[in-house]
Amino acid sequence: MEKNDPSTSETPKSESAAAATSETKPETEHINLKVVGADNQDIFFKIKNTTRLEKLMQAYCDRTGCALSSVRFLFDGQRLAPTNTPKELEMEDGDTIDAMVEQIGGCLF
């Protein structure tokens, strides 16, 4: 009986360790994203799949000296919301985000 007890106690430990590893791996997976500004300046960011893009947007604006309210971020032609995550948008490593300075109005001569 003693032989059965250690074997049964080892199996759940290894299963729970494998389950814990598989659960935490996707959460900590990082991807590299490139943000291209209107001046074609590339800035690279490495973020987790579950991190809100608000952090990336704020970091980009801090580096470029722009106000967050004056920059629009686009991915595959769609405007990004600060609450989006790379996982929601199915972003992959090396994807590009476009940063455009908002232009209000216009003038015809």
N, C-alpha and C. Protein backbone atom coordinates (compact mmCIF):
# COMPACT_ATOMS: atom_id res chain seq x y z
N MET A 1 0.80 -1.19 0.00
CA MET A 1 0.00 0.00 0.00
C MET A 1 0.85 1.26 0.00
N GLU A 2 1.98 1.21 0.64
CA GLU A 2 2.83 2.39 0.69
C GLU A 2 3.33 2.77 -0.69
N LYS A 3 3.52 1.78 -1.56
CA LYS A 3 3.98 2.07 -2.92
C LYS A 3 2.90 2.81 -3.71
N ASN A 4 1.65 2.50 -3.48
CA ASN A 4 0.56 3.17 -4.19
C ASN A 4 0.39 4.61 -3.74
N ASP A 5 0.54 4.88 -2.46
CA ASP A 5 0.35 6.22 -1.94
C ASP A 5 1.33 7.22 -2.56
N PRO A 6 2.64 6.94 -2.60
CA PRO A 6 3.55 7.91 -3.23
C PRO A 6 3.27 8.08 -4.72
N SER A 7 2.92 7.02 -5.41
CA SER A 7 2.69 7.16 -6.85
C SER A 7 1.44 7.99 -7.12
N THR A 8 0.42 7.83 -6.28
CA THR A 8 -0.79 8.62 -6.50
C THR A 8 -0.56 10.07 -6.12
N SER A 9 0.27 10.30 -5.13
CA SER A 9 0.51 11.69 -4.73
C SER A 9 1.43 12.39 -5.73
N GLU A 10 2.30 11.66 -6.41
CA GLU A 10 3.18 12.27 -7.41
C GLU A 10 2.42 12.65 -8.67
N THR A 11 1.48 11.85 -9.07
CA THR A 11 0.74 12.10 -10.31
C THR A 11 -0.03 13.43 -10.24
N PRO A 12 -0.81 13.69 -9.19
CA PRO A 12 -1.50 14.97 -9.15
C PRO A 12 -0.54 16.16 -9.10
N LYS A 13 0.59 16.01 -8.41
CA LYS A 13 1.55 17.11 -8.34
C LYS A 13 2.08 17.44 -9.72
N SER A 14 2.45 16.43 -10.49
CA SER A 14 2.99 16.69 -11.82
C SER A 14 1.90 17.22 -12.75
N GLU A 15 0.68 16.71 -12.61
CA GLU A 15 -0.42 17.21 -13.42
C GLU A 15 -0.74 18.65 -13.08
N SER A 16 -0.77 18.97 -11.78
CA SER A 16 -1.09 20.34 -11.38
C SER A 16 0.04 21.28 -11.78
N ALA A 17 1.28 20.82 -11.73
CA ALA A 17 2.40 21.66 -12.16
C ALA A 17 2.32 21.91 -13.66
N ALA A 18 1.97 20.90 -14.43
CA ALA A 18 1.84 21.07 -15.87
C ALA A 18 0.67 21.99 -16.19
N ALA A 19 -0.42 21.86 -15.46
CA ALA A 19 -1.59 22.72 -15.68
C ALA A 19 -1.25 24.16 -15.32
N ALA A 20 -0.53 24.36 -14.22
CA ALA A 20 -0.15 25.71 -13.82
C ALA A 20 0.78 26.33 -14.85
N THR A 21 1.70 25.55 -15.39
CA THR A 21 2.62 26.05 -16.40
C THR A 21 1.87 26.44 -17.66
N SER A 22 0.94 25.61 -18.10
CA SER A 22 0.20 25.92 -19.32
C SER A 22 -0.73 27.11 -19.12
N GLU A 23 -1.22 27.30 -17.90
CA GLU A 23 -2.10 28.43 -17.63
C GLU A 23 -1.34 29.74 -17.59
N THR A 24 -0.15 29.74 -17.01
CA THR A 24 0.59 30.99 -16.87
C THR A 24 1.38 31.35 -18.11
N LYS A 25 1.70 30.40 -18.96
CA LYS A 25 2.51 30.69 -20.14
C LYS A 25 1.84 31.69 -21.08
N PRO A 26 0.56 31.50 -21.46
CA PRO A 26 -0.06 32.47 -22.37
C PRO A 26 -0.15 33.87 -21.76
N GLU A 27 -0.32 33.96 -20.44
CA GLU A 27 -0.44 35.27 -19.81
C GLU A 27 0.86 36.06 -19.88
N THR A 28 1.99 35.38 -19.84
CA THR A 28 3.27 36.08 -19.82
C THR A 28 3.92 36.13 -21.20
N GLU A 29 3.21 35.69 -22.23
CA GLU A 29 3.78 35.70 -23.56
C GLU A 29 3.91 37.14 -24.05
N HIS A 30 5.10 37.50 -24.49
CA HIS A 30 5.38 38.85 -24.97
C HIS A 30 5.41 38.86 -26.50
N ILE A 31 5.03 39.99 -27.06
CA ILE A 31 5.17 40.19 -28.49
C ILE A 31 5.84 41.53 -28.75
N ASN A 32 6.52 41.61 -29.87
CA ASN A 32 7.17 42.85 -30.27
C ASN A 32 6.29 43.56 -31.28
N LEU A 33 5.98 44.81 -31.01
CA LEU A 33 5.15 45.60 -31.91
C LEU A 33 5.93 46.83 -32.35
N LYS A 34 5.71 47.23 -33.60
CA LYS A 34 6.36 48.40 -34.16
C LYS A 34 5.31 49.48 -34.34
N VAL A 35 5.59 50.68 -33.83
CA VAL A 35 4.69 51.81 -34.03
C VAL A 35 5.37 52.75 -35.00
N VAL A 36 4.69 53.03 -36.12
CA VAL A 36 5.23 53.90 -37.16
C VAL A 36 4.48 55.22 -37.10
N GLY A 37 5.24 56.30 -36.90
CA GLY A 37 4.64 57.63 -36.83
C GLY A 37 4.46 58.24 -38.20
N ALA A 38 3.84 59.42 -38.23
CA ALA A 38 3.57 60.13 -39.48
C ALA A 38 4.88 60.50 -40.19
N ASP A 39 5.95 60.65 -39.42
CA ASP A 39 7.26 60.99 -40.00
C ASP A 39 8.07 59.74 -40.35
N ASN A 40 7.42 58.59 -40.39
CA ASN A 40 8.04 57.29 -40.70
C ASN A 40 9.12 56.88 -39.69
N GLN A 41 9.03 57.39 -38.49
CA GLN A 41 9.94 56.99 -37.43
C GLN A 41 9.38 55.73 -36.76
N ASP A 42 10.20 54.68 -36.68
CA ASP A 42 9.78 53.42 -36.09
C ASP A 42 10.20 53.37 -34.62
N ILE A 43 9.26 53.02 -33.76
CA ILE A 43 9.56 52.81 -32.34
C ILE A 43 9.04 51.42 -31.99
N PHE A 44 9.90 50.62 -31.38
CA PHE A 44 9.57 49.23 -31.07
C PHE A 44 9.20 49.08 -29.60
N PHE A 45 8.18 48.25 -29.35
CA PHE A 45 7.72 47.98 -27.99
C PHE A 45 7.59 46.48 -27.82
N LYS A 46 7.90 46.01 -26.62
CA LYS A 46 7.70 44.61 -26.26
C LYS A 46 6.71 44.59 -25.11
N ILE A 47 5.54 44.03 -25.37
CA ILE A 47 4.49 44.01 -24.35
C ILE A 47 3.86 42.63 -24.26
N LYS A 48 3.16 42.40 -23.16
CA LYS A 48 2.44 41.14 -22.99
C LYS A 48 1.17 41.15 -23.84
N ASN A 49 0.72 39.97 -24.20
CA ASN A 49 -0.51 39.84 -24.98
C ASN A 49 -1.73 40.38 -24.24
N THR A 50 -1.68 40.37 -22.92
CA THR A 50 -2.84 40.77 -22.12
C THR A 50 -2.75 42.21 -21.63
N THR A 51 -1.69 42.92 -21.99
CA THR A 51 -1.52 44.32 -21.56
C THR A 51 -2.40 45.22 -22.40
N ARG A 52 -3.09 46.14 -21.74
CA ARG A 52 -3.91 47.09 -22.48
C ARG A 52 -3.02 48.00 -23.32
N LEU A 53 -3.47 48.31 -24.53
CA LEU A 53 -2.68 49.13 -25.45
C LEU A 53 -2.52 50.56 -24.96
N GLU A 54 -3.26 50.94 -23.95
CA GLU A 54 -3.13 52.27 -23.37
C GLU A 54 -1.69 52.52 -22.90
N LYS A 55 -1.06 51.50 -22.35
CA LYS A 55 0.33 51.64 -21.89
C LYS A 55 1.27 51.92 -23.06
N LEU A 56 1.08 51.19 -24.16
CA LEU A 56 1.90 51.39 -25.34
C LEU A 56 1.66 52.79 -25.91
N MET A 57 0.41 53.21 -25.98
CA MET A 57 0.05 54.53 -26.52
C MET A 57 0.69 55.65 -25.69
N GLN A 58 0.60 55.52 -24.37
CA GLN A 58 1.18 56.54 -23.49
C GLN A 58 2.70 56.56 -23.62
N ALA A 59 3.32 55.41 -23.69
CA ALA A 59 4.78 55.33 -23.84
C ALA A 59 5.22 55.94 -25.17
N TYR A 60 4.47 55.70 -26.23
CA TYR A 60 4.79 56.29 -27.53
C TYR A 60 4.72 57.82 -27.45
N CYS A 61 3.66 58.32 -26.85
CA CYS A 61 3.49 59.77 -26.74
C CYS A 61 4.57 60.40 -25.85
N ASP A 62 4.96 59.71 -24.80
CA ASP A 62 6.05 60.20 -23.94
C ASP A 62 7.35 60.29 -24.72
N ARG A 63 7.64 59.29 -25.53
CA ARG A 63 8.89 59.27 -26.31
C ARG A 63 8.91 60.33 -27.41
N THR A 64 7.75 60.56 -28.02
CA THR A 64 7.71 61.49 -29.15
C THR A 64 7.36 62.91 -28.72
N GLY A 65 6.89 63.09 -27.50
CA GLY A 65 6.54 64.41 -27.02
C GLY A 65 5.18 64.89 -27.50
N CYS A 66 4.35 63.98 -27.97
CA CYS A 66 3.00 64.33 -28.43
C CYS A 66 2.00 64.12 -27.29
N ALA A 67 0.89 64.84 -27.39
CA ALA A 67 -0.19 64.62 -26.43
C ALA A 67 -1.00 63.40 -26.87
N LEU A 68 -1.37 62.57 -25.92
CA LEU A 68 -2.13 61.36 -26.22
C LEU A 68 -3.45 61.70 -26.92
N SER A 69 -4.03 62.83 -26.58
CA SER A 69 -5.31 63.21 -27.18
C SER A 69 -5.19 63.64 -28.64
N SER A 70 -3.96 63.90 -29.10
CA SER A 70 -3.79 64.35 -30.49
C SER A 70 -3.29 63.26 -31.43
N VAL A 71 -3.10 62.05 -30.92
CA VAL A 71 -2.58 60.95 -31.75
C VAL A 71 -3.64 59.86 -31.86
N ARG A 72 -3.80 59.32 -33.07
CA ARG A 72 -4.72 58.22 -33.31
C ARG A 72 -3.90 57.01 -33.73
N PHE A 73 -4.21 55.88 -33.15
CA PHE A 73 -3.47 54.65 -33.43
C PHE A 73 -4.34 53.71 -34.26
N LEU A 74 -3.76 53.17 -35.33
CA LEU A 74 -4.49 52.29 -36.24
C LEU A 74 -3.77 50.96 -36.39
N PHE A 75 -4.54 49.89 -36.45
CA PHE A 75 -3.99 48.56 -36.73
C PHE A 75 -4.86 47.94 -37.81
N ASP A 76 -4.26 47.59 -38.92
CA ASP A 76 -4.98 47.06 -40.08
C ASP A 76 -6.12 47.99 -40.50
N GLY A 77 -5.88 49.30 -40.42
CA GLY A 77 -6.86 50.28 -40.86
C GLY A 77 -7.95 50.59 -39.85
N GLN A 78 -7.97 49.90 -38.73
CA GLN A 78 -9.00 50.11 -37.71
C GLN A 78 -8.40 50.88 -36.53
N ARG A 79 -9.16 51.84 -36.04
CA ARG A 79 -8.69 52.64 -34.91
C ARG A 79 -8.66 51.79 -33.65
N LEU A 80 -7.60 51.95 -32.87
CA LEU A 80 -7.44 51.19 -31.63
C LEU A 80 -8.01 51.96 -30.45
N ALA A 81 -8.64 51.24 -29.55
CA ALA A 81 -9.11 51.82 -28.30
C ALA A 81 -8.07 51.52 -27.22
N PRO A 82 -7.92 52.41 -26.25
CA PRO A 82 -6.95 52.16 -25.18
C PRO A 82 -7.22 50.88 -24.40
N THR A 83 -8.45 50.41 -24.40
CA THR A 83 -8.79 49.21 -23.64
C THR A 83 -8.51 47.92 -24.41
N ASN A 84 -8.19 48.02 -25.69
CA ASN A 84 -7.87 46.82 -26.48
C ASN A 84 -6.58 46.19 -25.97
N THR A 85 -6.46 44.88 -26.19
CA THR A 85 -5.22 44.16 -25.92
C THR A 85 -4.76 43.49 -27.21
N PRO A 86 -3.47 43.20 -27.32
CA PRO A 86 -3.00 42.50 -28.51
C PRO A 86 -3.70 41.14 -28.71
N LYS A 87 -4.03 40.48 -27.61
CA LYS A 87 -4.70 39.19 -27.70
C LYS A 87 -6.09 39.34 -28.33
N GLU A 88 -6.85 40.37 -27.92
CA GLU A 88 -8.18 40.63 -28.48
C GLU A 88 -8.11 40.87 -29.99
N LEU A 89 -7.08 41.59 -30.41
CA LEU A 89 -6.94 41.98 -31.81
C LEU A 89 -6.19 40.94 -32.64
N GLU A 90 -5.80 39.85 -32.00
CA GLU A 90 -5.06 38.76 -32.64
C GLU A 90 -3.77 39.27 -33.28
N MET A 91 -3.08 40.16 -32.57
CA MET A 91 -1.79 40.66 -33.05
C MET A 91 -0.74 39.59 -32.92
N GLU A 92 0.22 39.63 -33.82
CA GLU A 92 1.32 38.68 -33.80
C GLU A 92 2.63 39.43 -33.63
N ASP A 93 3.65 38.68 -33.30
CA ASP A 93 4.98 39.26 -33.12
C ASP A 93 5.41 39.96 -34.41
N GLY A 94 5.83 41.22 -34.30
CA GLY A 94 6.32 41.97 -35.45
C GLY A 94 5.26 42.80 -36.16
N ASP A 95 4.01 42.77 -35.68
CA ASP A 95 2.95 43.56 -36.31
C ASP A 95 3.24 45.06 -36.17
N THR A 96 2.62 45.84 -37.07
CA THR A 96 2.85 47.28 -37.12
C THR A 96 1.58 48.04 -36.76
N ILE A 97 1.72 49.04 -35.91
CA ILE A 97 0.65 49.96 -35.55
C ILE A 97 1.01 51.31 -36.14
N ASP A 98 0.06 51.96 -36.78
CA ASP A 98 0.29 53.29 -37.34
C ASP A 98 -0.17 54.35 -36.35
N ALA A 99 0.65 55.37 -36.15
CA ALA A 99 0.31 56.49 -35.27
C ALA A 99 0.15 57.72 -36.14
N MET A 100 -1.04 58.28 -36.13
CA MET A 100 -1.34 59.45 -36.95
C MET A 100 -1.71 60.63 -36.06
N VAL A 101 -1.17 61.80 -36.39
CA VAL A 101 -1.53 63.00 -35.66
C VAL A 101 -2.91 63.43 -36.15
N GLU A 102 -3.80 63.66 -35.21
CA GLU A 102 -5.17 64.05 -35.57
C GLU A 102 -5.18 65.39 -36.27
N GLN A 103 -5.93 65.46 -37.35
CA GLN A 103 -6.08 66.71 -38.08
C GLN A 103 -7.54 67.12 -38.00
N ILE A 104 -7.77 68.30 -37.47
CA ILE A 104 -9.14 68.79 -37.34
C ILE A 104 -9.40 69.86 -38.38
N GLY A 105 -10.51 69.70 -39.05
CA GLY A 105 -10.91 70.71 -40.03
C GLY A 105 -10.03 70.71 -41.25
N GLY A 106 -10.04 71.78 -41.92
CA GLY A 106 -9.28 71.93 -43.14
C GLY A 106 -9.69 73.24 -43.77
N CYS A 107 -8.99 73.62 -44.77
CA CYS A 107 -9.27 74.90 -45.38
C CYS A 107 -9.13 74.79 -46.88
N LEU A 108 -10.07 75.33 -47.58
CA LEU A 108 -9.99 75.38 -49.03
C LEU A 108 -9.75 76.82 -49.46
N PHE A 109 -8.86 77.00 -50.39
CA PHE A 109 -8.56 78.36 -50.86
C PHE A 109 -9.26 78.63 -52.14
